[in-house]
Amino acid sequence: GYVTHLLGHLPKAGEQVQIENYVVTISQSDGRSVQQLHFRKLDEATAKKPNAA
């Protein structure tokens, strides 16, 4: 629900959003809900840049 709230829509597989120092990639989605997310931690320099994802 949190990622959907941040994006403002139900994300499709492959979409990404940056949450603090993580890039969250939607791995699986069926059009009604998100089934799987992948979190990748960014290094400090990358995390400070806006829209780094």
PDB file of N, CA and C in Angstrom:
ATOM      1  N   GLY A   1       0.791  -1.189   0.000  1.00  0.00           N
ATOM      2  CA  GLY A   1       0.000   0.000   0.000  1.00  0.00           C
ATOM      3  C   GLY A   1       0.843   1.266   0.000  1.00  0.00           C
ATOM      4  N   TYR A   2       1.989   1.251   0.673  1.00  0.00           N
ATOM      5  CA  TYR A   2       2.804   2.456   0.786  1.00  0.00           C
ATOM      6  C   TYR A   2       3.371   2.868  -0.572  1.00  0.00           C
ATOM      7  N   VAL A   3       3.889   1.929  -1.328  1.00  0.00           N
ATOM      8  CA  VAL A   3       4.450   2.235  -2.646  1.00  0.00           C
ATOM      9  C   VAL A   3       3.345   2.725  -3.578  1.00  0.00           C
ATOM     10  N   THR A   4       2.193   2.087  -3.542  1.00  0.00           N
ATOM     11  CA  THR A   4       1.048   2.519  -4.343  1.00  0.00           C
ATOM     12  C   THR A   4       0.660   3.945  -3.974  1.00  0.00           C
ATOM     13  N   HIS A   5       0.655   4.245  -2.690  1.00  0.00           N
ATOM     14  CA  HIS A   5       0.330   5.595  -2.218  1.00  0.00           C
ATOM     15  C   HIS A   5       1.351   6.614  -2.738  1.00  0.00           C
ATOM     16  N   LEU A   6       2.632   6.291  -2.653  1.00  0.00           N
ATOM     17  CA  LEU A   6       3.667   7.215  -3.125  1.00  0.00           C
ATOM     18  C   LEU A   6       3.550   7.499  -4.618  1.00  0.00           C
ATOM     19  N   LEU A   7       3.275   6.467  -5.399  1.00  0.00           N
ATOM     20  CA  LEU A   7       3.185   6.634  -6.847  1.00  0.00           C
ATOM     21  C   LEU A   7       1.860   7.250  -7.288  1.00  0.00           C
ATOM     22  N   GLY A   8       0.816   7.071  -6.482  1.00  0.00           N
ATOM     23  CA  GLY A   8      -0.488   7.618  -6.832  1.00  0.00           C
ATOM     24  C   GLY A   8      -1.286   6.731  -7.770  1.00  0.00           C
ATOM     25  N   HIS A   9      -0.786   5.535  -8.029  1.00  0.00           N
ATOM     26  CA  HIS A   9      -1.493   4.573  -8.882  1.00  0.00           C
ATOM     27  C   HIS A   9      -0.972   3.173  -8.570  1.00  0.00           C
ATOM     28  N   LEU A  10      -1.680   2.168  -9.046  1.00  0.00           N
ATOM     29  CA  LEU A  10      -1.221   0.791  -8.874  1.00  0.00           C
ATOM     30  C   LEU A  10      -0.084   0.543  -9.863  1.00  0.00           C
ATOM     31  N   PRO A  11       1.121   0.327  -9.362  1.00  0.00           N
ATOM     32  CA  PRO A  11       2.263   0.193 -10.263  1.00  0.00           C
ATOM     33  C   PRO A  11       2.288  -1.138 -11.002  1.00  0.00           C
ATOM     34  N   LYS A  12       2.889  -1.103 -12.172  1.00  0.00           N
ATOM     35  CA  LYS A  12       3.087  -2.311 -12.975  1.00  0.00           C
ATOM     36  C   LYS A  12       4.491  -2.840 -12.716  1.00  0.00           C
ATOM     37  N   ALA A  13       4.713  -4.097 -13.033  1.00  0.00           N
ATOM     38  CA  ALA A  13       6.033  -4.701 -12.879  1.00  0.00           C
ATOM     39  C   ALA A  13       7.062  -3.878 -13.651  1.00  0.00           C
ATOM     40  N   GLY A  14       8.180  -3.621 -13.019  1.00  0.00           N
ATOM     41  CA  GLY A  14       9.248  -2.857 -13.640  1.00  0.00           C
ATOM     42  C   GLY A  14       9.306  -1.406 -13.195  1.00  0.00           C
ATOM     43  N   GLU A  15       8.217  -0.875 -12.649  1.00  0.00           N
ATOM     44  CA  GLU A  15       8.236   0.507 -12.174  1.00  0.00           C
ATOM     45  C   GLU A  15       9.123   0.616 -10.947  1.00  0.00           C
ATOM     46  N   GLN A  16       9.695   1.815 -10.746  1.00  0.00           N
ATOM     47  CA  GLN A  16      10.583   2.050  -9.618  1.00  0.00           C
ATOM     48  C   GLN A  16      10.209   3.337  -8.909  1.00  0.00           C
ATOM     49  N   VAL A  17      10.517   3.371  -7.612  1.00  0.00           N
ATOM     50  CA  VAL A  17      10.351   4.572  -6.818  1.00  0.00           C
ATOM     51  C   VAL A  17      11.487   4.608  -5.804  1.00  0.00           C
ATOM     52  N   GLN A  18      11.993   5.810  -5.510  1.00  0.00           N
ATOM     53  CA  GLN A  18      13.036   5.931  -4.492  1.00  0.00           C
ATOM     54  C   GLN A  18      12.387   6.287  -3.171  1.00  0.00           C
ATOM     55  N   ILE A  19      12.710   5.526  -2.140  1.00  0.00           N
ATOM     56  CA  ILE A  19      12.241   5.778  -0.781  1.00  0.00           C
ATOM     57  C   ILE A  19      13.487   5.920   0.078  1.00  0.00           C
ATOM     58  N   GLU A  20      13.767   7.160   0.477  1.00  0.00           N
ATOM     59  CA  GLU A  20      14.971   7.491   1.232  1.00  0.00           C
ATOM     60  C   GLU A  20      16.195   6.956   0.501  1.00  0.00           C
ATOM     61  N   ASN A  21      16.961   6.045   1.097  1.00  0.00           N
ATOM     62  CA  ASN A  21      18.175   5.571   0.424  1.00  0.00           C
ATOM     63  C   ASN A  21      17.986   4.183  -0.194  1.00  0.00           C
ATOM     64  N   TYR A  22      16.782   3.909  -0.675  1.00  0.00           N
ATOM     65  CA  TYR A  22      16.472   2.647  -1.349  1.00  0.00           C
ATOM     66  C   TYR A  22      15.755   2.916  -2.669  1.00  0.00           C
ATOM     67  N   VAL A  23      16.043   2.100  -3.664  1.00  0.00           N
ATOM     68  CA  VAL A  23      15.248   2.076  -4.888  1.00  0.00           C
ATOM     69  C   VAL A  23      14.372   0.840  -4.785  1.00  0.00           C
ATOM     70  N   VAL A  24      13.071   1.049  -4.895  1.00  0.00           N
ATOM     71  CA  VAL A  24      12.113  -0.047  -4.809  1.00  0.00           C
ATOM     72  C   VAL A  24      11.614  -0.329  -6.219  1.00  0.00           C
ATOM     73  N   THR A  25      11.781  -1.565  -6.664  1.00  0.00           N
ATOM     74  CA  THR A  25      11.325  -1.998  -7.980  1.00  0.00           C
ATOM     75  C   THR A  25      10.175  -2.973  -7.796  1.00  0.00           C
ATOM     76  N   ILE A  26       9.080  -2.746  -8.514  1.00  0.00           N
ATOM     77  CA  ILE A  26       7.949  -3.669  -8.465  1.00  0.00           C
ATOM     78  C   ILE A  26       8.333  -4.869  -9.320  1.00  0.00           C
ATOM     79  N   SER A  27       8.426  -6.035  -8.685  1.00  0.00           N
ATOM     80  CA  SER A  27       8.828  -7.253  -9.391  1.00  0.00           C
ATOM     81  C   SER A  27       7.634  -7.987  -9.975  1.00  0.00           C
ATOM     82  N   GLN A  28       6.528  -8.029  -9.225  1.00  0.00           N
ATOM     83  CA  GLN A  28       5.321  -8.717  -9.694  1.00  0.00           C
ATOM     84  C   GLN A  28       4.089  -7.915  -9.295  1.00  0.00           C
ATOM     85  N   SER A  29       3.180  -7.754 -10.249  1.00  0.00           N
ATOM     86  CA  SER A  29       1.917  -7.063 -10.027  1.00  0.00           C
ATOM     87  C   SER A  29       0.886  -7.685 -10.958  1.00  0.00           C
ATOM     88  N   ASP A  30      -0.347  -7.838 -10.466  1.00  0.00           N
ATOM     89  CA  ASP A  30      -1.365  -8.489 -11.297  1.00  0.00           C
ATOM     90  C   ASP A  30      -2.472  -7.542 -11.759  1.00  0.00           C
ATOM     91  N   GLY A  31      -2.286  -6.241 -11.594  1.00  0.00           N
ATOM     92  CA  GLY A  31      -3.315  -5.295 -12.003  1.00  0.00           C
ATOM     93  C   GLY A  31      -4.280  -4.948 -10.885  1.00  0.00           C
ATOM     94  N   ARG A  32      -4.312  -5.772  -9.838  1.00  0.00           N
ATOM     95  CA  ARG A  32      -5.156  -5.496  -8.672  1.00  0.00           C
ATOM     96  C   ARG A  32      -4.336  -5.261  -7.417  1.00  0.00           C
ATOM     97  N   SER A  33      -3.130  -5.844  -7.387  1.00  0.00           N
ATOM     98  CA  SER A  33      -2.263  -5.687  -6.223  1.00  0.00           C
ATOM     99  C   SER A  33      -0.813  -5.968  -6.607  1.00  0.00           C
ATOM    100  N   VAL A  34       0.078  -5.498  -5.754  1.00  0.00           N
ATOM    101  CA  VAL A  34       1.501  -5.758  -5.929  1.00  0.00           C
ATOM    102  C   VAL A  34       1.838  -7.014  -5.141  1.00  0.00           C
ATOM    103  N   GLN A  35       2.460  -7.994  -5.787  1.00  0.00           N
ATOM    104  CA  GLN A  35       2.818  -9.244  -5.116  1.00  0.00           C
ATOM    105  C   GLN A  35       4.253  -9.256  -4.606  1.00  0.00           C
ATOM    106  N   GLN A  36       5.167  -8.594  -5.317  1.00  0.00           N
ATOM    107  CA  GLN A  36       6.569  -8.685  -4.921  1.00  0.00           C
ATOM    108  C   GLN A  36       7.297  -7.381  -5.222  1.00  0.00           C
ATOM    109  N   LEU A  37       8.122  -6.962  -4.261  1.00  0.00           N
ATOM    110  CA  LEU A  37       8.955  -5.778  -4.400  1.00  0.00           C
ATOM    111  C   LEU A  37      10.407  -6.172  -4.224  1.00  0.00           C
ATOM    112  N   HIS A  38      11.293  -5.430  -4.861  1.00  0.00           N
ATOM    113  CA  HIS A  38      12.729  -5.638  -4.701  1.00  0.00           C
ATOM    114  C   HIS A  38      13.318  -4.321  -4.198  1.00  0.00           C
ATOM    115  N   PHE A  39      14.027  -4.369  -3.066  1.00  0.00           N
ATOM    116  CA  PHE A  39      14.659  -3.187  -2.495  1.00  0.00           C
ATOM    117  C   PHE A  39      16.158  -3.243  -2.766  1.00  0.00           C
ATOM    118  N   ARG A  40      16.694  -2.123  -3.267  1.00  0.00           N
ATOM    119  CA  ARG A  40      18.140  -2.010  -3.485  1.00  0.00           C
ATOM    120  C   ARG A  40      18.627  -0.775  -2.739  1.00  0.00           C
ATOM    121  N   LYS A  41      19.578  -0.977  -1.843  1.00  0.00           N
ATOM    122  CA  LYS A  41      20.114   0.130  -1.058  1.00  0.00           C
ATOM    123  C   LYS A  41      21.089   0.938  -1.905  1.00  0.00           C
ATOM    124  N   LEU A  42      20.923   2.254  -1.862  1.00  0.00           N
ATOM    125  CA  LEU A  42      21.804   3.152  -2.595  1.00  0.00           C
ATOM    126  C   LEU A  42      22.972   3.553  -1.713  1.00  0.00           C
ATOM    127  N   ASP A  43      24.104   3.884  -2.338  1.00  0.00           N
ATOM    128  CA  ASP A  43      25.195   4.443  -1.549  1.00  0.00           C
ATOM    129  C   ASP A  43      24.827   5.878  -1.182  1.00  0.00           C
ATOM    130  N   GLU A  44      25.541   6.469  -0.238  1.00  0.00           N
ATOM    131  CA  GLU A  44      25.179   7.796   0.274  1.00  0.00           C
ATOM    132  C   GLU A  44      25.172   8.868  -0.806  1.00  0.00           C
ATOM    133  N   ALA A  45      26.132   8.864  -1.695  1.00  0.00           N
ATOM    134  CA  ALA A  45      26.211   9.888  -2.740  1.00  0.00           C
ATOM    135  C   ALA A  45      25.015   9.810  -3.679  1.00  0.00           C
ATOM    136  N   THR A  46      24.611   8.614  -4.060  1.00  0.00           N
ATOM    137  CA  THR A  46      23.474   8.435  -4.958  1.00  0.00           C
ATOM    138  C   THR A  46      22.171   8.773  -4.256  1.00  0.00           C
ATOM    139  N   ALA A  47      22.039   8.398  -2.996  1.00  0.00           N
ATOM    140  CA  ALA A  47      20.796   8.606  -2.254  1.00  0.00           C
ATOM    141  C   ALA A  47      20.483  10.081  -2.062  1.00  0.00           C
ATOM    142  N   LYS A  48      21.490  10.946  -2.053  1.00  0.00           N
ATOM    143  CA  LYS A  48      21.266  12.373  -1.829  1.00  0.00           C
ATOM    144  C   LYS A  48      20.756  13.093  -3.068  1.00  0.00           C
ATOM    145  N   LYS A  49      20.915  12.483  -4.238  1.00  0.00           N
ATOM    146  CA  LYS A  49      20.453  13.102  -5.476  1.00  0.00           C
ATOM    147  C   LYS A  49      18.950  12.888  -5.623  1.00  0.00           C
ATOM    148  N   PRO A  50      18.168  13.945  -5.862  1.00  0.00           N
ATOM    149  CA  PRO A  50      16.729  13.744  -6.089  1.00  0.00           C
ATOM    150  C   PRO A  50      16.493  13.015  -7.401  1.00  0.00           C
ATOM    151  N   ASN A  51      15.459  12.183  -7.429  1.00  0.00           N
ATOM    152  CA  ASN A  51      15.076  11.424  -8.619  1.00  0.00           C
ATOM    153  C   ASN A  51      16.209  10.546  -9.133  1.00  0.00           C
ATOM    154  N   ALA A  52      16.961   9.958  -8.220  1.00  0.00           N
ATOM    155  CA  ALA A  52      18.073   9.103  -8.626  1.00  0.00           C
ATOM    156  C   ALA A  52      17.599   7.774  -9.179  1.00  0.00           C
ATOM    157  N   ALA A  53      16.346   7.426  -8.948  1.00  0.00           N
ATOM    158  CA  ALA A  53      15.842   6.115  -9.370  1.00  0.00           C
ATOM    159  C   ALA A  53      15.575   6.073 -10.839  1.00  0.00           C
TER     160      ALA A  53
END
